[in-house]
Every structure is written in C-alpha cells, then in structure tokens.
Amino acid sequence: MKTLVHNLENGTVIDHIPPEITFHVWNLLGKQHDVVVVGNHLPSKRMGKKGIIKIANKFLSEAEANKITLLAPHATVSVIKEGKVFHKYKLSLPSLLKGVITCINPNCITRHEQRETAFKVIQENPLKVRCLYCELLIHSQEIVLS
C-alpha cells in the first residue's frame, strides 16, 4: 500500500485519532513552527476511519499527552528519531490529572489563586473527574482544558 502521509526524521506521530476530533487534537497542540501533517478519514483496519497527526521536531510533554488522552483515549503515540520509531505507546488516562483541566466552579481556590489544578479520575467511560480542591464532580461534556 502506498504511504499517504510524509515520513518524519525526528518528531511525534499521533495515530488512531477518531476522525471527528482530529482537528481538536491539532488545535490543542497549539502553533507549531515546523512541518505538521494532518490526515483525516484515512482507512484503518482497527477503526474503519482514523485521523493522524505528524509533527516534525516536536516531542509531547506529559501535560500535552494527558490532554490528548482526554480527547482521544485510544490513540497511539510514536516518538520518531533518525527516521525510526524510537518509542511507541498507547495513551492511557492517569488516575490524577494535574494542570490539564480548569475547574468550572467559580468559587474554587484554583480560580482565585495561582494553584495548579488537580483532578482525580472517578470514572473513565463516560469520563468523570473530581477536583481535589473544591470536590466538584465534572462530567466529560463539562470539561474545559487548561
């Protein structure tokens, strides 16, 4: 089969993104200063259709990976070095999310003081998290990423 997207020498590939959220993931990563390839509705044996994002010379931070996990919990990430897959892993939701979600409670201390937010994952599917400061339970459709 012919390769549909450009290979990287160094960087990150985020694969198996549900096609309806591929561009949300891309926007989440912010402005990039190097080559970015976004493919969407590509054929996938596992998903039927998928999205893929390749970013040259970019390696995800833990916070970026956690944010992507909230949007695409079954995505895979490949770290590319010297044109080869150096490390490949499936995203997984950690039990504690720090600095990833903004608390929606206007009275939460994180809204008034410079404190890093912290949420405990209560349930993965559908996602429910609890703020460790004000104890507000937030459902997936209410989540606001930091």
N, C-alpha and C. Protein backbone atom coordinates (compact mmCIF):
# COMPACT_ATOMS: atom_id res chain seq x y z
N MET A 1 0.83 -1.18 0.00
CA MET A 1 0.00 0.00 0.00
C MET A 1 0.88 1.25 0.00
N LYS A 2 0.50 2.23 -0.74
CA LYS A 2 1.23 3.48 -0.86
C LYS A 2 1.08 4.31 0.42
N THR A 3 2.18 4.92 0.88
CA THR A 3 2.14 5.77 2.06
C THR A 3 1.37 7.05 1.72
N LEU A 4 0.40 7.36 2.56
CA LEU A 4 -0.43 8.53 2.30
C LEU A 4 0.08 9.81 2.96
N VAL A 5 0.94 9.65 3.98
CA VAL A 5 1.47 10.83 4.66
C VAL A 5 2.99 10.74 4.78
N HIS A 6 3.63 11.87 4.77
CA HIS A 6 5.08 12.03 4.78
C HIS A 6 5.72 11.40 6.02
N ASN A 7 6.89 10.76 5.87
CA ASN A 7 7.64 10.21 6.99
C ASN A 7 8.46 11.30 7.66
N LEU A 8 8.67 11.16 8.97
CA LEU A 8 9.44 12.12 9.74
C LEU A 8 10.85 11.61 9.99
N GLU A 9 11.78 12.53 10.08
CA GLU A 9 13.14 12.19 10.51
C GLU A 9 13.19 12.19 12.04
N ASN A 10 12.60 13.22 12.66
CA ASN A 10 12.50 13.34 14.11
C ASN A 10 11.17 14.01 14.44
N GLY A 11 10.50 13.52 15.48
CA GLY A 11 9.24 14.15 15.88
C GLY A 11 8.28 13.16 16.49
N THR A 12 7.01 13.49 16.39
CA THR A 12 5.95 12.70 17.04
C THR A 12 4.84 12.41 16.05
N VAL A 13 4.32 11.20 16.13
CA VAL A 13 3.16 10.79 15.34
C VAL A 13 2.06 10.41 16.33
N ILE A 14 0.92 11.04 16.19
CA ILE A 14 -0.26 10.69 16.99
C ILE A 14 -1.22 10.00 16.03
N ASP A 15 -1.49 8.74 16.27
CA ASP A 15 -2.25 7.91 15.34
C ASP A 15 -3.51 7.37 16.03
N HIS A 16 -4.41 6.87 15.23
CA HIS A 16 -5.68 6.28 15.70
C HIS A 16 -6.52 7.28 16.47
N ILE A 17 -6.61 8.48 15.92
CA ILE A 17 -7.46 9.52 16.48
C ILE A 17 -8.83 9.38 15.83
N PRO A 18 -9.91 9.40 16.61
CA PRO A 18 -11.23 9.38 15.98
C PRO A 18 -11.35 10.57 15.01
N PRO A 19 -11.79 10.33 13.77
CA PRO A 19 -11.76 11.39 12.76
C PRO A 19 -12.53 12.66 13.14
N GLU A 20 -13.57 12.51 13.93
CA GLU A 20 -14.36 13.70 14.29
C GLU A 20 -13.63 14.63 15.26
N ILE A 21 -12.53 14.18 15.86
CA ILE A 21 -11.81 15.06 16.78
C ILE A 21 -10.36 15.32 16.38
N THR A 22 -9.95 14.88 15.20
CA THR A 22 -8.57 15.08 14.75
C THR A 22 -8.15 16.54 14.84
N PHE A 23 -8.99 17.44 14.36
CA PHE A 23 -8.62 18.85 14.35
C PHE A 23 -8.70 19.47 15.74
N HIS A 24 -9.48 18.90 16.65
CA HIS A 24 -9.47 19.35 18.05
C HIS A 24 -8.12 19.04 18.68
N VAL A 25 -7.59 17.85 18.39
CA VAL A 25 -6.26 17.46 18.90
C VAL A 25 -5.20 18.39 18.33
N TRP A 26 -5.28 18.64 17.03
CA TRP A 26 -4.32 19.53 16.38
C TRP A 26 -4.36 20.92 17.01
N ASN A 27 -5.55 21.47 17.23
CA ASN A 27 -5.68 22.79 17.85
C ASN A 27 -5.15 22.78 19.28
N LEU A 28 -5.35 21.68 19.98
CA LEU A 28 -4.89 21.56 21.35
C LEU A 28 -3.37 21.71 21.45
N LEU A 29 -2.66 21.25 20.44
CA LEU A 29 -1.20 21.30 20.46
C LEU A 29 -0.65 22.70 20.20
N GLY A 30 -1.50 23.61 19.77
CA GLY A 30 -1.07 24.98 19.56
C GLY A 30 -0.24 25.16 18.31
N LYS A 31 0.24 26.37 18.14
CA LYS A 31 1.01 26.73 16.96
C LYS A 31 2.33 25.96 16.92
N GLN A 32 2.61 25.39 15.78
CA GLN A 32 3.87 24.65 15.58
C GLN A 32 4.75 25.45 14.62
N HIS A 33 6.05 25.31 14.82
CA HIS A 33 6.99 26.07 13.99
C HIS A 33 7.74 25.17 13.02
N ASP A 34 7.23 23.98 12.80
CA ASP A 34 7.89 23.06 11.89
C ASP A 34 6.81 22.36 11.07
N VAL A 35 7.19 21.36 10.32
CA VAL A 35 6.27 20.64 9.44
C VAL A 35 5.23 19.89 10.27
N VAL A 36 3.97 20.08 9.91
CA VAL A 36 2.86 19.36 10.52
C VAL A 36 2.05 18.74 9.39
N VAL A 37 1.80 17.45 9.51
CA VAL A 37 0.96 16.76 8.54
C VAL A 37 -0.27 16.24 9.28
N VAL A 38 -1.45 16.61 8.81
CA VAL A 38 -2.70 16.13 9.42
C VAL A 38 -3.44 15.35 8.35
N GLY A 39 -3.72 14.11 8.66
CA GLY A 39 -4.53 13.28 7.77
C GLY A 39 -5.82 12.91 8.49
N ASN A 40 -6.91 12.92 7.78
CA ASN A 40 -8.19 12.60 8.43
C ASN A 40 -9.02 11.71 7.52
N HIS A 41 -9.83 10.88 8.13
CA HIS A 41 -10.67 9.90 7.44
C HIS A 41 -9.82 8.95 6.61
N LEU A 42 -8.64 8.61 7.15
CA LEU A 42 -7.76 7.63 6.49
C LEU A 42 -8.26 6.23 6.82
N PRO A 43 -8.04 5.27 5.94
CA PRO A 43 -8.51 3.90 6.22
C PRO A 43 -7.76 3.30 7.41
N SER A 44 -8.50 2.57 8.24
CA SER A 44 -7.93 1.91 9.40
C SER A 44 -8.59 0.56 9.60
N LYS A 45 -7.79 -0.48 9.73
CA LYS A 45 -8.35 -1.81 9.99
C LYS A 45 -9.02 -1.85 11.36
N ARG A 46 -8.44 -1.16 12.32
CA ARG A 46 -8.93 -1.17 13.69
C ARG A 46 -10.17 -0.30 13.89
N MET A 47 -10.22 0.86 13.21
CA MET A 47 -11.28 1.83 13.47
C MET A 47 -12.21 2.08 12.29
N GLY A 48 -11.89 1.57 11.14
CA GLY A 48 -12.64 1.91 9.93
C GLY A 48 -12.04 3.14 9.29
N LYS A 49 -12.16 4.28 9.98
CA LYS A 49 -11.55 5.55 9.56
C LYS A 49 -10.83 6.14 10.76
N LYS A 50 -9.74 6.86 10.50
CA LYS A 50 -8.96 7.43 11.59
C LYS A 50 -8.34 8.75 11.17
N GLY A 51 -7.82 9.44 12.17
CA GLY A 51 -7.03 10.63 11.94
C GLY A 51 -5.60 10.37 12.39
N ILE A 52 -4.68 11.14 11.83
CA ILE A 52 -3.27 11.02 12.20
C ILE A 52 -2.64 12.41 12.14
N ILE A 53 -1.75 12.69 13.09
CA ILE A 53 -1.03 13.96 13.11
C ILE A 53 0.45 13.65 13.25
N LYS A 54 1.25 14.23 12.35
CA LYS A 54 2.70 14.07 12.41
C LYS A 54 3.30 15.46 12.57
N ILE A 55 4.18 15.59 13.58
CA ILE A 55 4.79 16.89 13.86
C ILE A 55 6.30 16.70 13.89
N ALA A 56 6.99 17.38 13.00
CA ALA A 56 8.44 17.29 12.94
C ALA A 56 9.06 18.04 14.12
N ASN A 57 10.09 17.42 14.69
CA ASN A 57 10.90 18.05 15.75
C ASN A 57 10.10 18.48 16.97
N LYS A 58 9.05 17.75 17.28
CA LYS A 58 8.22 18.03 18.46
C LYS A 58 8.04 16.74 19.23
N PHE A 59 8.23 16.81 20.54
CA PHE A 59 8.01 15.67 21.42
C PHE A 59 7.04 16.12 22.50
N LEU A 60 6.02 15.32 22.75
CA LEU A 60 4.95 15.70 23.67
C LEU A 60 5.41 15.75 25.11
N SER A 61 4.94 16.76 25.81
CA SER A 61 5.13 16.82 27.27
C SER A 61 4.08 15.91 27.90
N GLU A 62 4.24 15.62 29.17
CA GLU A 62 3.25 14.80 29.88
C GLU A 62 1.88 15.49 29.87
N ALA A 63 1.86 16.80 30.09
CA ALA A 63 0.59 17.54 30.09
C ALA A 63 -0.10 17.47 28.73
N GLU A 64 0.68 17.61 27.65
CA GLU A 64 0.10 17.52 26.31
C GLU A 64 -0.47 16.13 26.06
N ALA A 65 0.28 15.09 26.46
CA ALA A 65 -0.21 13.72 26.28
C ALA A 65 -1.49 13.49 27.08
N ASN A 66 -1.56 14.03 28.30
CA ASN A 66 -2.76 13.87 29.12
C ASN A 66 -3.96 14.57 28.50
N LYS A 67 -3.74 15.74 27.92
CA LYS A 67 -4.84 16.46 27.27
C LYS A 67 -5.34 15.68 26.06
N ILE A 68 -4.41 15.14 25.29
CA ILE A 68 -4.80 14.34 24.12
C ILE A 68 -5.58 13.11 24.57
N THR A 69 -5.16 12.50 25.69
CA THR A 69 -5.85 11.33 26.22
C THR A 69 -7.30 11.64 26.54
N LEU A 70 -7.57 12.84 27.03
CA LEU A 70 -8.95 13.22 27.34
C LEU A 70 -9.81 13.27 26.08
N LEU A 71 -9.20 13.65 24.95
CA LEU A 71 -9.94 13.74 23.69
C LEU A 71 -9.94 12.43 22.91
N ALA A 72 -8.81 11.73 22.93
CA ALA A 72 -8.65 10.51 22.13
C ALA A 72 -8.00 9.42 22.99
N PRO A 73 -8.77 8.82 23.90
CA PRO A 73 -8.18 7.89 24.87
C PRO A 73 -7.56 6.63 24.28
N HIS A 74 -7.83 6.30 23.02
CA HIS A 74 -7.28 5.08 22.43
C HIS A 74 -6.23 5.38 21.35
N ALA A 75 -5.77 6.61 21.32
CA ALA A 75 -4.74 7.00 20.33
C ALA A 75 -3.40 6.38 20.70
N THR A 76 -2.54 6.26 19.70
CA THR A 76 -1.18 5.80 19.93
C THR A 76 -0.22 6.93 19.57
N VAL A 77 0.90 6.95 20.27
CA VAL A 77 1.92 7.97 20.03
C VAL A 77 3.22 7.26 19.69
N SER A 78 3.85 7.69 18.61
CA SER A 78 5.16 7.17 18.23
C SER A 78 6.16 8.31 18.26
N VAL A 79 7.26 8.09 18.97
CA VAL A 79 8.36 9.04 19.00
C VAL A 79 9.35 8.60 17.93
N ILE A 80 9.63 9.49 16.99
CA ILE A 80 10.49 9.17 15.85
C ILE A 80 11.84 9.86 16.04
N LYS A 81 12.90 9.07 15.93
CA LYS A 81 14.26 9.61 16.00
C LYS A 81 15.07 8.99 14.88
N GLU A 82 15.74 9.84 14.12
CA GLU A 82 16.57 9.43 12.98
C GLU A 82 15.78 8.54 12.01
N GLY A 83 14.52 8.91 11.79
CA GLY A 83 13.69 8.22 10.80
C GLY A 83 13.09 6.90 11.25
N LYS A 84 13.33 6.51 12.51
CA LYS A 84 12.81 5.23 13.01
C LYS A 84 12.00 5.43 14.27
N VAL A 85 11.07 4.50 14.50
CA VAL A 85 10.27 4.56 15.72
C VAL A 85 11.18 4.24 16.90
N PHE A 86 11.38 5.24 17.75
CA PHE A 86 12.23 5.10 18.93
C PHE A 86 11.42 4.52 20.09
N HIS A 87 10.17 4.99 20.20
CA HIS A 87 9.29 4.54 21.29
C HIS A 87 7.85 4.69 20.82
N LYS A 88 7.05 3.67 21.07
CA LYS A 88 5.63 3.72 20.70
C LYS A 88 4.82 3.31 21.92
N TYR A 89 3.74 4.08 22.19
CA TYR A 89 2.91 3.76 23.34
C TYR A 89 1.46 4.17 23.08
N LYS A 90 0.56 3.48 23.77
CA LYS A 90 -0.85 3.84 23.73
C LYS A 90 -1.10 4.83 24.85
N LEU A 91 -1.91 5.82 24.55
CA LEU A 91 -2.26 6.78 25.59
C LEU A 91 -3.15 6.09 26.62
N SER A 92 -2.97 6.47 27.85
CA SER A 92 -3.83 5.95 28.92
C SER A 92 -4.09 7.07 29.91
N LEU A 93 -5.25 7.06 30.45
CA LEU A 93 -5.68 8.10 31.36
C LEU A 93 -5.05 7.85 32.73
N PRO A 94 -4.27 8.80 33.25
CA PRO A 94 -3.72 8.63 34.59
C PRO A 94 -4.82 8.78 35.63
N SER A 95 -4.59 8.32 36.83
CA SER A 95 -5.61 8.43 37.89
C SER A 95 -5.71 9.85 38.43
N LEU A 96 -4.65 10.65 38.22
CA LEU A 96 -4.63 12.03 38.69
C LEU A 96 -4.19 12.94 37.54
N LEU A 97 -4.97 13.96 37.27
CA LEU A 97 -4.66 14.91 36.20
C LEU A 97 -4.29 16.26 36.81
N LYS A 98 -3.04 16.67 36.65
CA LYS A 98 -2.57 17.94 37.21
C LYS A 98 -2.34 18.95 36.10
N GLY A 99 -2.93 20.14 36.25
CA GLY A 99 -2.70 21.23 35.31
C GLY A 99 -3.26 21.01 33.93
N VAL A 100 -4.22 20.11 33.80
CA VAL A 100 -4.76 19.75 32.49
C VAL A 100 -6.18 20.28 32.30
N ILE A 101 -6.95 20.29 33.38
CA ILE A 101 -8.36 20.69 33.34
C ILE A 101 -8.53 21.94 34.19
N THR A 102 -9.38 22.86 33.73
CA THR A 102 -9.74 24.04 34.51
C THR A 102 -10.99 23.71 35.31
N CYS A 103 -10.98 24.01 36.60
CA CYS A 103 -12.17 23.76 37.41
C CYS A 103 -13.25 24.76 37.00
N ILE A 104 -14.46 24.26 36.83
CA ILE A 104 -15.56 25.13 36.39
C ILE A 104 -16.31 25.77 37.56
N ASN A 105 -15.91 25.43 38.79
CA ASN A 105 -16.53 26.03 39.97
C ASN A 105 -15.95 27.42 40.16
N PRO A 106 -16.77 28.48 40.04
CA PRO A 106 -16.24 29.84 40.16
C PRO A 106 -15.68 30.13 41.56
N ASN A 107 -16.03 29.33 42.56
CA ASN A 107 -15.54 29.54 43.92
C ASN A 107 -14.31 28.70 44.26
N CYS A 108 -13.87 27.87 43.33
CA CYS A 108 -12.70 27.01 43.58
C CYS A 108 -11.46 27.88 43.77
N ILE A 109 -10.62 27.49 44.71
CA ILE A 109 -9.40 28.25 45.00
C ILE A 109 -8.49 28.37 43.78
N THR A 110 -8.55 27.40 42.88
CA THR A 110 -7.70 27.45 41.68
C THR A 110 -8.11 28.57 40.73
N ARG A 111 -9.31 29.10 40.91
CA ARG A 111 -9.80 30.20 40.07
C ARG A 111 -9.36 31.56 40.62
N HIS A 112 -8.90 31.58 41.90
CA HIS A 112 -8.58 32.86 42.55
C HIS A 112 -7.12 32.97 42.96
N GLU A 113 -6.44 31.86 43.06
CA GLU A 113 -5.03 31.86 43.43
C GLU A 113 -4.25 31.08 42.39
N GLN A 114 -2.99 31.33 42.30
CA GLN A 114 -2.16 30.62 41.32
C GLN A 114 -1.82 29.24 41.88
N ARG A 115 -2.72 28.32 41.66
CA ARG A 115 -2.52 26.93 42.06
C ARG A 115 -2.76 26.05 40.85
N GLU A 116 -1.94 25.02 40.73
CA GLU A 116 -2.13 24.05 39.66
C GLU A 116 -3.36 23.21 39.97
N THR A 117 -4.24 23.07 39.00
CA THR A 117 -5.44 22.26 39.23
C THR A 117 -5.05 20.79 39.34
N ALA A 118 -5.88 20.06 40.07
CA ALA A 118 -5.65 18.62 40.24
C ALA A 118 -7.01 17.94 40.29
N PHE A 119 -7.17 16.93 39.45
CA PHE A 119 -8.43 16.19 39.37
C PHE A 119 -8.17 14.70 39.47
N LYS A 120 -8.97 14.05 40.28
CA LYS A 120 -8.92 12.59 40.38
C LYS A 120 -9.92 12.02 39.38
N VAL A 121 -9.50 11.01 38.62
CA VAL A 121 -10.40 10.35 37.69
C VAL A 121 -11.29 9.41 38.50
N ILE A 122 -12.59 9.65 38.45
CA ILE A 122 -13.56 8.84 39.18
C ILE A 122 -14.06 7.70 38.30
N GLN A 123 -14.28 8.01 37.03
CA GLN A 123 -14.79 7.03 36.06
C GLN A 123 -14.22 7.38 34.70
N GLU A 124 -13.81 6.35 33.94
CA GLU A 124 -13.19 6.60 32.63
C GLU A 124 -14.20 6.71 31.49
N ASN A 125 -15.24 5.91 31.50
CA ASN A 125 -16.17 5.90 30.36
C ASN A 125 -17.61 5.78 30.84
N PRO A 126 -18.39 6.84 30.75
CA PRO A 126 -18.02 8.20 30.35
C PRO A 126 -17.17 8.85 31.44
N LEU A 127 -16.29 9.74 31.03
CA LEU A 127 -15.32 10.34 31.93
C LEU A 127 -15.99 11.21 32.99
N LYS A 128 -15.57 10.99 34.24
CA LYS A 128 -15.98 11.83 35.37
C LYS A 128 -14.74 12.06 36.21
N VAL A 129 -14.50 13.34 36.56
CA VAL A 129 -13.34 13.70 37.37
C VAL A 129 -13.81 14.55 38.55
N ARG A 130 -13.03 14.52 39.64
CA ARG A 130 -13.37 15.31 40.82
C ARG A 130 -12.20 16.23 41.16
N CYS A 131 -12.50 17.51 41.36
CA CYS A 131 -11.49 18.49 41.75
C CYS A 131 -11.01 18.16 43.16
N LEU A 132 -9.70 18.12 43.36
CA LEU A 132 -9.15 17.80 44.68
C LEU A 132 -9.25 18.97 45.64
N TYR A 133 -9.52 20.18 45.13
CA TYR A 133 -9.63 21.35 46.00
C TYR A 133 -11.06 21.58 46.47
N CYS A 134 -11.99 21.68 45.54
CA CYS A 134 -13.38 22.00 45.90
C CYS A 134 -14.30 20.78 45.86
N GLU A 135 -13.79 19.65 45.37
CA GLU A 135 -14.50 18.38 45.30
C GLU A 135 -15.68 18.36 44.31
N LEU A 136 -15.72 19.31 43.39
CA LEU A 136 -16.77 19.33 42.38
C LEU A 136 -16.57 18.16 41.42
N LEU A 137 -17.64 17.44 41.14
CA LEU A 137 -17.63 16.35 40.16
C LEU A 137 -17.94 16.94 38.79
N ILE A 138 -17.07 16.67 37.82
CA ILE A 138 -17.24 17.21 36.48
C ILE A 138 -17.36 16.04 35.51
N HIS A 139 -18.38 16.10 34.65
CA HIS A 139 -18.62 15.08 33.63
C HIS A 139 -17.91 15.46 32.34
N SER A 140 -17.68 14.49 31.47
CA SER A 140 -16.89 14.70 30.25
C SER A 140 -17.34 15.90 29.42
N GLN A 141 -18.65 16.08 29.28
CA GLN A 141 -19.13 17.18 28.43
C GLN A 141 -18.92 18.55 29.07
N GLU A 142 -18.56 18.60 30.35
CA GLU A 142 -18.32 19.86 31.05
C GLU A 142 -16.84 20.24 31.14
N ILE A 143 -15.97 19.33 30.73
CA ILE A 143 -14.53 19.54 30.91
C ILE A 143 -14.03 20.68 30.03
N VAL A 144 -13.25 21.55 30.68
CA VAL A 144 -12.58 22.66 30.00
C VAL A 144 -11.08 22.43 30.19
N LEU A 145 -10.36 22.26 29.07
CA LEU A 145 -8.93 22.04 29.16
C LEU A 145 -8.19 23.33 29.49
N SER A 146 -7.12 23.21 30.28
CA SER A 146 -6.33 24.38 30.66
C SER A 146 -5.51 24.88 29.50
